[in-house]
């Protein structure tokens, strides 16, 4: 079931929606460990009206509260830069984000490379830009981690252990960690058990709460948890293409051009920093660069290998 879209200016209702969705998450992963600071409430006196707005979706990364907090001011930037109105369409599941984009329920979406490949091949969607990491490169990594006090020392020690992946369609939460395990001689059959938690934050909680021995998450979250003294990294992957901003094939070419221009002009470390909230937690802390189709070659092969596309 698709949730009703909300305008970018109707921020408060989105926070209400996230509390409802968190109730679903709590049925899967216990939350004894807090991974985020409390976000102050934001007052809103505007009325909901998204008729004619461009809908924007995104793969769930952290929690609904954190993700909405991040993307709300970003969409305000796009509104100011393009003259078009934008609204968030939130979904919990990665596959719903792709389906919404492919079927035109959303016009644009921030997708990981796996979902980008699926959107292109299944629905004919395409991508505008790729995210730049903290070093200004269009790439990111995944990290496999465990608890600070765990006896596990390396990836080979994970044989016979339990493992937490993120969403099944997550590049950093599933596909890259799975490839890392296989390169170390460990397949699903060699694990005592595994789970798809649905997000990077859920994976971190599952491991920290002792429900699973180790897990795979995005490098940005891993670095934050290391700095807080909460996890120990077992291995970090080689670089893979970063997340992308993609669009539905039926979007007006003039709008596509305007949005691409705005994205390439986006300066989150400089002149636009004051507009944003926690943008450094995304896979594109330094903004965007032109998308290169050949960059997805290996991810496309892994997407088919692991049965995410047939």
C-alpha atoms as a PDB file:
ATOM      1  CA  UNK A   1       0.000   0.000   0.000  1.00  0.00           C
ATOM      2  CA  UNK A   2       1.365   3.417  -0.920  1.00  0.00           C
ATOM      3  CA  UNK A   3       1.233   6.125   1.704  1.00  0.00           C
ATOM      4  CA  UNK A   4      -0.266   9.484   0.857  1.00  0.00           C
ATOM      5  CA  UNK A   5       2.307  12.055  -0.268  1.00  0.00           C
ATOM      6  CA  UNK A   6       3.025  15.086   1.905  1.00  0.00           C
ATOM      7  CA  UNK A   7       4.269  18.503   0.843  1.00  0.00           C
ATOM      8  CA  UNK A   8       7.773  19.546   1.765  1.00  0.00           C
ATOM      9  CA  UNK A   9       6.336  22.365   3.837  1.00  0.00           C
ATOM     10  CA  UNK A  10       4.027  20.055   5.775  1.00  0.00           C
ATOM     11  CA  UNK A  11       6.915  18.695   7.814  1.00  0.00           C
ATOM     12  CA  UNK A  12       5.152  18.078  11.106  1.00  0.00           C
ATOM     13  CA  UNK A  13       2.771  15.480   9.676  1.00  0.00           C
ATOM     14  CA  UNK A  14       5.713  13.517   8.350  1.00  0.00           C
ATOM     15  CA  UNK A  15       7.113  13.266  11.842  1.00  0.00           C
ATOM     16  CA  UNK A  16       3.754  11.890  12.984  1.00  0.00           C
ATOM     17  CA  UNK A  17       3.859   9.329  10.168  1.00  0.00           C
ATOM     18  CA  UNK A  18       7.352   8.236  11.184  1.00  0.00           C
ATOM     19  CA  UNK A  19       6.209   7.454  14.719  1.00  0.00           C
ATOM     20  CA  UNK A  20       3.593   5.119  13.240  1.00  0.00           C
ATOM     21  CA  UNK A  21       6.150   3.391  11.019  1.00  0.00           C
ATOM     22  CA  UNK A  22       8.569   3.052  13.896  1.00  0.00           C
ATOM     23  CA  UNK A  23       5.936   0.947  15.593  1.00  0.00           C
ATOM     24  CA  UNK A  24       6.327  -1.556  12.768  1.00  0.00           C
ATOM     25  CA  UNK A  25      10.111  -1.522  13.154  1.00  0.00           C
ATOM     26  CA  UNK A  26       9.853  -2.243  16.848  1.00  0.00           C
ATOM     27  CA  UNK A  27       8.192  -5.537  16.054  1.00  0.00           C
ATOM     28  CA  UNK A  28      11.354  -6.622  14.223  1.00  0.00           C
ATOM     29  CA  UNK A  29      14.266  -5.076  16.087  1.00  0.00           C
ATOM     30  CA  UNK A  30      14.461  -4.146  19.738  1.00  0.00           C
ATOM     31  CA  UNK A  31      15.649  -0.620  20.481  1.00  0.00           C
ATOM     32  CA  UNK A  32      17.548  -0.790  23.711  1.00  0.00           C
ATOM     33  CA  UNK A  33      20.461   1.034  22.073  1.00  0.00           C
ATOM     34  CA  UNK A  34      19.890   4.629  20.938  1.00  0.00           C
ATOM     35  CA  UNK A  35      21.660   5.603  17.714  1.00  0.00           C
ATOM     36  CA  UNK A  36      20.422   9.154  17.364  1.00  0.00           C
ATOM     37  CA  UNK A  37      19.941  12.292  19.376  1.00  0.00           C
ATOM     38  CA  UNK A  38      16.433  13.528  19.920  1.00  0.00           C
ATOM     39  CA  UNK A  39      15.260  15.815  17.130  1.00  0.00           C
ATOM     40  CA  UNK A  40      13.481  18.960  18.355  1.00  0.00           C
ATOM     41  CA  UNK A  41       9.926  19.428  17.139  1.00  0.00           C
ATOM     42  CA  UNK A  42       9.420  21.917  14.348  1.00  0.00           C
ATOM     43  CA  UNK A  43       6.298  24.054  14.301  1.00  0.00           C
ATOM     44  CA  UNK A  44       4.293  24.239  11.095  1.00  0.00           C
ATOM     45  CA  UNK A  45       1.309  26.466  10.451  1.00  0.00           C
ATOM     46  CA  UNK A  46       0.972  25.698   6.756  1.00  0.00           C
ATOM     47  CA  UNK A  47      -1.834  23.639   5.259  1.00  0.00           C
ATOM     48  CA  UNK A  48      -1.282  20.466   3.219  1.00  0.00           C
ATOM     49  CA  UNK A  49      -1.586  21.035  -0.512  1.00  0.00           C
ATOM     50  CA  UNK A  50       0.575  18.999  -2.867  1.00  0.00           C
ATOM     51  CA  UNK A  51      -1.495  19.282  -6.042  1.00  0.00           C
ATOM     52  CA  UNK A  52       0.923  19.723  -8.909  1.00  0.00           C
ATOM     53  CA  UNK A  53       4.036  19.180  -6.801  1.00  0.00           C
ATOM     54  CA  UNK A  54       6.893  16.965  -7.878  1.00  0.00           C
ATOM     55  CA  UNK A  55       7.043  13.879  -5.647  1.00  0.00           C
ATOM     56  CA  UNK A  56      10.431  12.856  -4.261  1.00  0.00           C
ATOM     57  CA  UNK A  57      11.196   9.435  -2.775  1.00  0.00           C
ATOM     58  CA  UNK A  58      14.250   7.921  -1.133  1.00  0.00           C
ATOM     59  CA  UNK A  59      15.575   4.603   0.091  1.00  0.00           C
ATOM     60  CA  UNK A  60      15.265   4.319   3.863  1.00  0.00           C
ATOM     61  CA  UNK A  61      18.729   4.743   5.347  1.00  0.00           C
ATOM     62  CA  UNK A  62      18.560   5.525   9.043  1.00  0.00           C
ATOM     63  CA  UNK A  63      15.141   6.001  10.627  1.00  0.00           C
ATOM     64  CA  UNK A  64      12.055   7.741   9.225  1.00  0.00           C
ATOM     65  CA  UNK A  65      12.663  10.655  11.608  1.00  0.00           C
ATOM     66  CA  UNK A  66      16.298  11.136  10.590  1.00  0.00           C
ATOM     67  CA  UNK A  67      15.688  10.642   6.868  1.00  0.00           C
ATOM     68  CA  UNK A  68      12.792  13.112   6.738  1.00  0.00           C
ATOM     69  CA  UNK A  69      14.810  15.614   8.761  1.00  0.00           C
ATOM     70  CA  UNK A  70      17.578  15.341   6.161  1.00  0.00           C
ATOM     71  CA  UNK A  71      15.484  15.511   2.992  1.00  0.00           C
ATOM     72  CA  UNK A  72      12.985  18.190   4.012  1.00  0.00           C
ATOM     73  CA  UNK A  73      15.420  21.162   3.765  1.00  0.00           C
ATOM     74  CA  UNK A  74      17.032  19.604   0.679  1.00  0.00           C
ATOM     75  CA  UNK A  75      13.691  19.739  -1.111  1.00  0.00           C
ATOM     76  CA  UNK A  76      13.280  23.326  -0.005  1.00  0.00           C
ATOM     77  CA  UNK A  77      16.576  24.040  -1.777  1.00  0.00           C
ATOM     78  CA  UNK A  78      15.271  22.373  -4.951  1.00  0.00           C
ATOM     79  CA  UNK A  79      12.077  24.441  -4.740  1.00  0.00           C
ATOM     80  CA  UNK A  80      14.039  27.681  -4.433  1.00  0.00           C
ATOM     81  CA  UNK A  81      16.432  26.732  -7.233  1.00  0.00           C
ATOM     82  CA  UNK A  82      13.973  25.385  -9.808  1.00  0.00           C
ATOM     83  CA  UNK A  83      10.723  27.232  -9.073  1.00  0.00           C
ATOM     84  CA  UNK A  84       8.914  23.879  -8.834  1.00  0.00           C
ATOM     85  CA  UNK A  85       7.189  22.595  -5.710  1.00  0.00           C
ATOM     86  CA  UNK A  86       8.350  19.304  -4.228  1.00  0.00           C
ATOM     87  CA  UNK A  87       6.759  16.892  -1.779  1.00  0.00           C
ATOM     88  CA  UNK A  88       8.093  13.830   0.012  1.00  0.00           C
ATOM     89  CA  UNK A  89       6.600  10.423  -0.640  1.00  0.00           C
ATOM     90  CA  UNK A  90       7.831   8.174   2.138  1.00  0.00           C
ATOM     91  CA  UNK A  91       8.034   4.382   1.893  1.00  0.00           C
ATOM     92  CA  UNK A  92       9.625   1.899   4.276  1.00  0.00           C
ATOM     93  CA  UNK A  93      10.590  -0.702   1.686  1.00  0.00           C
ATOM     94  CA  UNK A  94      13.299  -0.274  -0.922  1.00  0.00           C
ATOM     95  CA  UNK A  95      11.250  -2.100  -3.556  1.00  0.00           C
ATOM     96  CA  UNK A  96       8.353   0.314  -3.027  1.00  0.00           C
ATOM     97  CA  UNK A  97      10.676   3.266  -3.640  1.00  0.00           C
ATOM     98  CA  UNK A  98      11.640   1.789  -7.007  1.00  0.00           C
ATOM     99  CA  UNK A  99       8.065   0.860  -7.913  1.00  0.00           C
ATOM    100  CA  UNK A 100       6.812   4.336  -7.033  1.00  0.00           C
ATOM    101  CA  UNK A 101       9.433   5.914  -9.292  1.00  0.00           C
ATOM    102  CA  UNK A 102       8.878   3.456 -12.123  1.00  0.00           C
ATOM    103  CA  UNK A 103       5.087   3.836 -12.115  1.00  0.00           C
ATOM    104  CA  UNK A 104       5.158   7.619 -11.803  1.00  0.00           C
ATOM    105  CA  UNK A 105       3.909   7.920  -8.228  1.00  0.00           C
ATOM    106  CA  UNK A 106       7.162   9.789  -7.635  1.00  0.00           C
ATOM    107  CA  UNK A 107       9.045  11.897 -10.161  1.00  0.00           C
ATOM    108  CA  UNK A 108      12.490  11.803  -8.574  1.00  0.00           C
ATOM    109  CA  UNK A 109      14.166   9.556  -6.012  1.00  0.00           C
ATOM    110  CA  UNK A 110      17.467   9.132  -4.197  1.00  0.00           C
ATOM    111  CA  UNK A 111      18.413   5.501  -4.862  1.00  0.00           C
ATOM    112  CA  UNK A 112      21.293   3.218  -4.083  1.00  0.00           C
ATOM    113  CA  UNK A 113      23.060   1.663  -7.094  1.00  0.00           C
ATOM    114  CA  UNK A 114      21.104  -1.627  -6.838  1.00  0.00           C
ATOM    115  CA  UNK A 115      17.762   0.153  -6.925  1.00  0.00           C
ATOM    116  CA  UNK A 116      19.033   2.390  -9.691  1.00  0.00           C
ATOM    117  CA  UNK A 117      19.814  -0.684 -11.818  1.00  0.00           C
ATOM    118  CA  UNK A 118      16.353  -2.129 -11.079  1.00  0.00           C
ATOM    119  CA  UNK A 119      14.622   1.169 -11.875  1.00  0.00           C
ATOM    120  CA  UNK A 120      16.446   1.426 -15.196  1.00  0.00           C
ATOM    121  CA  UNK A 121      15.946  -2.153 -16.367  1.00  0.00           C
ATOM    122  CA  UNK A 122      12.450  -2.776 -15.055  1.00  0.00           C
ATOM    123  CA  UNK A 123      10.846   0.623 -15.639  1.00  0.00           C
ATOM    124  CA  UNK A 124      13.058   2.574 -18.041  1.00  0.00           C
ATOM    125  CA  UNK A 125      13.927   5.200 -15.428  1.00  0.00           C
ATOM    126  CA  UNK A 126      17.212   7.053 -15.648  1.00  0.00           C
ATOM    127  CA  UNK A 127      19.603   8.956 -13.381  1.00  0.00           C
ATOM    128  CA  UNK A 128      20.772  12.547 -13.239  1.00  0.00           C
ATOM    129  CA  UNK A 129      23.683  12.734 -10.830  1.00  0.00           C
ATOM    130  CA  UNK A 130      25.826  10.663  -8.475  1.00  0.00           C
ATOM    131  CA  UNK A 131      26.587  11.613  -4.898  1.00  0.00           C
ATOM    132  CA  UNK A 132      30.034  12.823  -3.847  1.00  0.00           C
ATOM    133  CA  UNK A 133      31.543  11.462  -0.637  1.00  0.00           C
ATOM    134  CA  UNK A 134      33.520  13.457   1.937  1.00  0.00           C
ATOM    135  CA  UNK A 135      36.582  13.198  -0.330  1.00  0.00           C
ATOM    136  CA  UNK A 136      34.682  14.574  -3.330  1.00  0.00           C
ATOM    137  CA  UNK A 137      34.490  11.191  -5.113  1.00  0.00           C
ATOM    138  CA  UNK A 138      31.307   9.527  -6.498  1.00  0.00           C
ATOM    139  CA  UNK A 139      31.772   6.385  -4.443  1.00  0.00           C
ATOM    140  CA  UNK A 140      31.078   4.802  -1.082  1.00  0.00           C
ATOM    141  CA  UNK A 141      31.952   1.690   0.887  1.00  0.00           C
ATOM    142  CA  UNK A 142      30.240  -0.808   3.151  1.00  0.00           C
ATOM    143  CA  UNK A 143      31.516  -1.931   6.531  1.00  0.00           C
ATOM    144  CA  UNK A 144      31.127  -5.250   8.336  1.00  0.00           C
ATOM    145  CA  UNK A 145      31.172  -4.729  12.086  1.00  0.00           C
ATOM    146  CA  UNK A 146      30.628  -6.365  15.440  1.00  0.00           C
ATOM    147  CA  UNK A 147      30.359  -5.317  19.076  1.00  0.00           C
ATOM    148  CA  UNK A 148      33.339  -3.889  20.925  1.00  0.00           C
ATOM    149  CA  UNK A 149      33.537  -6.905  23.250  1.00  0.00           C
ATOM    150  CA  UNK A 150      32.976  -9.557  20.566  1.00  0.00           C
ATOM    151  CA  UNK A 151      35.569 -12.357  20.271  1.00  0.00           C
ATOM    152  CA  UNK A 152      35.214 -12.211  16.460  1.00  0.00           C
ATOM    153  CA  UNK A 153      38.466 -10.909  14.937  1.00  0.00           C
ATOM    154  CA  UNK A 154      37.988 -11.137  11.170  1.00  0.00           C
ATOM    155  CA  UNK A 155      35.526 -12.149   8.457  1.00  0.00           C
ATOM    156  CA  UNK A 156      36.583 -15.802   8.473  1.00  0.00           C
ATOM    157  CA  UNK A 157      35.532 -15.968  12.128  1.00  0.00           C
ATOM    158  CA  UNK A 158      31.940 -15.328  11.006  1.00  0.00           C
ATOM    159  CA  UNK A 159      31.545 -18.926   9.800  1.00  0.00           C
ATOM    160  CA  UNK A 160      28.885 -20.497  11.979  1.00  0.00           C
ATOM    161  CA  UNK A 161      27.807 -17.099  13.343  1.00  0.00           C
ATOM    162  CA  UNK A 162      24.686 -14.998  12.848  1.00  0.00           C
ATOM    163  CA  UNK A 163      24.647 -11.964  10.555  1.00  0.00           C
ATOM    164  CA  UNK A 164      22.365  -8.941  10.080  1.00  0.00           C
ATOM    165  CA  UNK A 165      21.965  -7.404   6.631  1.00  0.00           C
ATOM    166  CA  UNK A 166      19.995  -4.232   5.932  1.00  0.00           C
ATOM    167  CA  UNK A 167      17.279  -4.260   3.316  1.00  0.00           C
ATOM    168  CA  UNK A 168      17.475  -7.025   0.717  1.00  0.00           C
ATOM    169  CA  UNK A 169      17.707  -4.372  -2.020  1.00  0.00           C
ATOM    170  CA  UNK A 170      20.314  -2.282  -0.203  1.00  0.00           C
ATOM    171  CA  UNK A 171      23.687  -1.926  -1.898  1.00  0.00           C
ATOM    172  CA  UNK A 172      25.666  -1.126   1.261  1.00  0.00           C
ATOM    173  CA  UNK A 173      23.454  -3.149   3.585  1.00  0.00           C
ATOM    174  CA  UNK A 174      23.223  -6.387   1.615  1.00  0.00           C
ATOM    175  CA  UNK A 175      24.912  -6.684  -1.774  1.00  0.00           C
ATOM    176  CA  UNK A 176      28.372  -5.344  -0.869  1.00  0.00           C
ATOM    177  CA  UNK A 177      28.592  -7.112   2.545  1.00  0.00           C
ATOM    178  CA  UNK A 178      27.417 -10.349   0.919  1.00  0.00           C
ATOM    179  CA  UNK A 179      30.154 -10.012  -1.708  1.00  0.00           C
ATOM    180  CA  UNK A 180      32.695  -9.329   1.069  1.00  0.00           C
ATOM    181  CA  UNK A 181      31.628 -12.476   2.917  1.00  0.00           C
ATOM    182  CA  UNK A 182      31.794 -14.571  -0.254  1.00  0.00           C
ATOM    183  CA  UNK A 183      35.279 -13.255  -1.006  1.00  0.00           C
ATOM    184  CA  UNK A 184      36.238 -14.583   2.445  1.00  0.00           C
ATOM    185  CA  UNK A 185      34.733 -17.980   1.689  1.00  0.00           C
ATOM    186  CA  UNK A 186      31.456 -17.493   3.574  1.00  0.00           C
ATOM    187  CA  UNK A 187      28.050 -17.958   1.931  1.00  0.00           C
ATOM    188  CA  UNK A 188      24.587 -17.990   3.465  1.00  0.00           C
ATOM    189  CA  UNK A 189      25.008 -21.744   4.011  1.00  0.00           C
ATOM    190  CA  UNK A 190      28.044 -21.132   6.215  1.00  0.00           C
ATOM    191  CA  UNK A 191      26.148 -18.792   8.545  1.00  0.00           C
ATOM    192  CA  UNK A 192      24.228 -20.052  11.549  1.00  0.00           C
ATOM    193  CA  UNK A 193      21.500 -17.589  10.620  1.00  0.00           C
ATOM    194  CA  UNK A 194      20.910 -14.223   8.956  1.00  0.00           C
ATOM    195  CA  UNK A 195      18.237 -11.556   8.742  1.00  0.00           C
ATOM    196  CA  UNK A 196      17.279  -8.578   6.568  1.00  0.00           C
ATOM    197  CA  UNK A 197      16.517  -5.834   9.062  1.00  0.00           C
ATOM    198  CA  UNK A 198      15.190  -3.211   6.625  1.00  0.00           C
ATOM    199  CA  UNK A 199      17.671  -0.392   7.290  1.00  0.00           C
ATOM    200  CA  UNK A 200      21.219   0.398   8.379  1.00  0.00           C
ATOM    201  CA  UNK A 201      20.016   1.721  11.735  1.00  0.00           C
ATOM    202  CA  UNK A 202      18.058  -1.483  12.393  1.00  0.00           C
ATOM    203  CA  UNK A 203      21.144  -3.554  11.577  1.00  0.00           C
ATOM    204  CA  UNK A 204      23.266  -1.566  14.023  1.00  0.00           C
ATOM    205  CA  UNK A 205      20.660  -2.028  16.762  1.00  0.00           C
ATOM    206  CA  UNK A 206      20.355  -5.756  16.082  1.00  0.00           C
ATOM    207  CA  UNK A 207      24.099  -6.301  16.533  1.00  0.00           C
ATOM    208  CA  UNK A 208      24.552  -3.910  19.450  1.00  0.00           C
ATOM    209  CA  UNK A 209      21.626  -5.473  21.286  1.00  0.00           C
ATOM    210  CA  UNK A 210      23.227  -8.915  20.948  1.00  0.00           C
ATOM    211  CA  UNK A 211      20.618 -10.354  18.600  1.00  0.00           C
ATOM    212  CA  UNK A 212      23.191 -11.016  15.838  1.00  0.00           C
ATOM    213  CA  UNK A 213      26.950 -11.497  15.935  1.00  0.00           C
ATOM    214  CA  UNK A 214      27.847  -9.077  13.134  1.00  0.00           C
ATOM    215  CA  UNK A 215      26.282  -6.980  10.393  1.00  0.00           C
ATOM    216  CA  UNK A 216      26.845  -4.867   7.309  1.00  0.00           C
ATOM    217  CA  UNK A 217      26.127  -1.125   7.137  1.00  0.00           C
ATOM    218  CA  UNK A 218      26.996   2.031   5.213  1.00  0.00           C
ATOM    219  CA  UNK A 219      30.404   3.599   5.846  1.00  0.00           C
ATOM    220  CA  UNK A 220      29.020   6.944   7.059  1.00  0.00           C
ATOM    221  CA  UNK A 221      27.013   5.341   9.863  1.00  0.00           C
ATOM    222  CA  UNK A 222      29.933   3.030  10.681  1.00  0.00           C
ATOM    223  CA  UNK A 223      32.271   6.003  11.122  1.00  0.00           C
ATOM    224  CA  UNK A 224      29.778   7.741  13.412  1.00  0.00           C
ATOM    225  CA  UNK A 225      29.335   4.649  15.593  1.00  0.00           C
ATOM    226  CA  UNK A 226      33.104   4.136  15.781  1.00  0.00           C
ATOM    227  CA  UNK A 227      33.563   7.731  16.963  1.00  0.00           C
ATOM    228  CA  UNK A 228      30.952   7.050  19.657  1.00  0.00           C
ATOM    229  CA  UNK A 229      32.816   3.911  20.763  1.00  0.00           C
ATOM    230  CA  UNK A 230      29.892   1.597  19.933  1.00  0.00           C
ATOM    231  CA  UNK A 231      31.241  -0.805  17.304  1.00  0.00           C
ATOM    232  CA  UNK A 232      34.395  -2.466  15.994  1.00  0.00           C
ATOM    233  CA  UNK A 233      35.001  -2.786  12.241  1.00  0.00           C
ATOM    234  CA  UNK A 234      35.971  -6.212  10.910  1.00  0.00           C
ATOM    235  CA  UNK A 235      36.405  -5.141   7.278  1.00  0.00           C
ATOM    236  CA  UNK A 236      35.667  -2.266   4.930  1.00  0.00           C
ATOM    237  CA  UNK A 237      34.866  -2.857   1.274  1.00  0.00           C
ATOM    238  CA  UNK A 238      36.569  -1.493  -1.803  1.00  0.00           C
ATOM    239  CA  UNK A 239      34.837   1.576  -3.299  1.00  0.00           C
ATOM    240  CA  UNK A 240      31.567   1.154  -5.184  1.00  0.00           C
ATOM    241  CA  UNK A 241      29.412   3.768  -6.978  1.00  0.00           C
ATOM    242  CA  UNK A 242      27.579   6.082  -4.611  1.00  0.00           C
ATOM    243  CA  UNK A 243      23.833   6.708  -4.422  1.00  0.00           C
ATOM    244  CA  UNK A 244      22.158   8.565  -7.270  1.00  0.00           C
ATOM    245  CA  UNK A 245      19.253  10.887  -7.957  1.00  0.00           C
ATOM    246  CA  UNK A 246      17.014   9.219 -10.554  1.00  0.00           C
ATOM    247  CA  UNK A 247      13.864  10.251 -12.409  1.00  0.00           C
ATOM    248  CA  UNK A 248      10.769   8.731 -13.984  1.00  0.00           C
ATOM    249  CA  UNK A 249      10.948   8.440 -17.768  1.00  0.00           C
ATOM    250  CA  UNK A 250       7.838  10.602 -18.277  1.00  0.00           C
ATOM    251  CA  UNK A 251       9.064  13.691 -16.412  1.00  0.00           C
ATOM    252  CA  UNK A 252       9.104  16.828 -18.576  1.00  0.00           C
ATOM    253  CA  UNK A 253      12.617  17.261 -20.061  1.00  0.00           C
ATOM    254  CA  UNK A 254      12.630  20.945 -19.083  1.00  0.00           C
ATOM    255  CA  UNK A 255      12.018  19.984 -15.451  1.00  0.00           C
ATOM    256  CA  UNK A 256      14.729  17.333 -15.633  1.00  0.00           C
ATOM    257  CA  UNK A 257      17.180  19.915 -16.958  1.00  0.00           C
ATOM    258  CA  UNK A 258      16.287  22.421 -14.225  1.00  0.00           C
ATOM    259  CA  UNK A 259      16.610  19.831 -11.459  1.00  0.00           C
ATOM    260  CA  UNK A 260      19.941  18.570 -12.781  1.00  0.00           C
ATOM    261  CA  UNK A 261      21.303  22.126 -12.914  1.00  0.00           C
ATOM    262  CA  UNK A 262      20.187  22.676  -9.306  1.00  0.00           C
ATOM    263  CA  UNK A 263      21.759  19.411  -8.154  1.00  0.00           C
ATOM    264  CA  UNK A 264      25.101  20.152  -9.796  1.00  0.00           C
ATOM    265  CA  UNK A 265      25.058  23.640  -8.249  1.00  0.00           C
ATOM    266  CA  UNK A 266      24.267  22.250  -4.801  1.00  0.00           C
ATOM    267  CA  UNK A 267      27.018  23.233  -2.339  1.00  0.00           C
ATOM    268  CA  UNK A 268      26.283  21.522   1.011  1.00  0.00           C
ATOM    269  CA  UNK A 269      29.681  22.367   2.493  1.00  0.00           C
ATOM    270  CA  UNK A 270      29.566  25.994   1.402  1.00  0.00           C
ATOM    271  CA  UNK A 271      26.825  28.444   0.519  1.00  0.00           C
ATOM    272  CA  UNK A 272      23.949  26.004   1.093  1.00  0.00           C
ATOM    273  CA  UNK A 273      25.194  24.541   4.374  1.00  0.00           C
ATOM    274  CA  UNK A 274      22.926  26.780   6.449  1.00  0.00           C
ATOM    275  CA  UNK A 275      19.819  25.404   4.730  1.00  0.00           C
ATOM    276  CA  UNK A 276      20.521  21.776   5.577  1.00  0.00           C
ATOM    277  CA  UNK A 277      20.187  19.394   8.509  1.00  0.00           C
ATOM    278  CA  UNK A 278      22.550  16.421   8.984  1.00  0.00           C
ATOM    279  CA  UNK A 279      23.417  16.278   5.297  1.00  0.00           C
ATOM    280  CA  UNK A 280      26.806  14.842   6.324  1.00  0.00           C
ATOM    281  CA  UNK A 281      24.979  11.622   7.278  1.00  0.00           C
ATOM    282  CA  UNK A 282      24.044  10.977   3.637  1.00  0.00           C
ATOM    283  CA  UNK A 283      26.124   9.276   0.953  1.00  0.00           C
ATOM    284  CA  UNK A 284      26.493  12.643  -0.817  1.00  0.00           C
ATOM    285  CA  UNK A 285      27.959  15.023   1.796  1.00  0.00           C
ATOM    286  CA  UNK A 286      29.840  16.985  -0.884  1.00  0.00           C
ATOM    287  CA  UNK A 287      26.954  17.301  -3.335  1.00  0.00           C
ATOM    288  CA  UNK A 288      26.731  15.740  -6.771  1.00  0.00           C
ATOM    289  CA  UNK A 289      28.516  15.111 -10.040  1.00  0.00           C
ATOM    290  CA  UNK A 290      27.407  13.848 -13.461  1.00  0.00           C
ATOM    291  CA  UNK A 291      26.202  10.255 -13.514  1.00  0.00           C
ATOM    292  CA  UNK A 292      28.285   7.771 -15.528  1.00  0.00           C
ATOM    293  CA  UNK A 293      26.307   4.752 -16.733  1.00  0.00           C
ATOM    294  CA  UNK A 294      29.349   2.462 -16.941  1.00  0.00           C
ATOM    295  CA  UNK A 295      29.938   2.944 -13.215  1.00  0.00           C
ATOM    296  CA  UNK A 296      27.065   0.546 -12.462  1.00  0.00           C
ATOM    297  CA  UNK A 297      28.473  -2.387 -14.445  1.00  0.00           C
ATOM    298  CA  UNK A 298      29.629  -4.484 -11.453  1.00  0.00           C
ATOM    299  CA  UNK A 299      26.578  -3.631  -9.342  1.00  0.00           C
ATOM    300  CA  UNK A 300      24.338  -4.703 -12.205  1.00  0.00           C
ATOM    301  CA  UNK A 301      26.092  -8.084 -12.346  1.00  0.00           C
ATOM    302  CA  UNK A 302      25.707  -8.575  -8.584  1.00  0.00           C
ATOM    303  CA  UNK A 303      22.050  -7.548  -8.741  1.00  0.00           C
ATOM    304  CA  UNK A 304      21.379 -10.415 -11.151  1.00  0.00           C
ATOM    305  CA  UNK A 305      23.679 -12.833  -9.320  1.00  0.00           C
ATOM    306  CA  UNK A 306      21.803 -12.416  -6.041  1.00  0.00           C
ATOM    307  CA  UNK A 307      18.383 -12.750  -7.669  1.00  0.00           C
ATOM    308  CA  UNK A 308      17.255  -9.138  -7.227  1.00  0.00           C
ATOM    309  CA  UNK A 309      16.609  -8.960 -10.966  1.00  0.00           C
ATOM    310  CA  UNK A 310      15.657 -11.881 -13.191  1.00  0.00           C
END
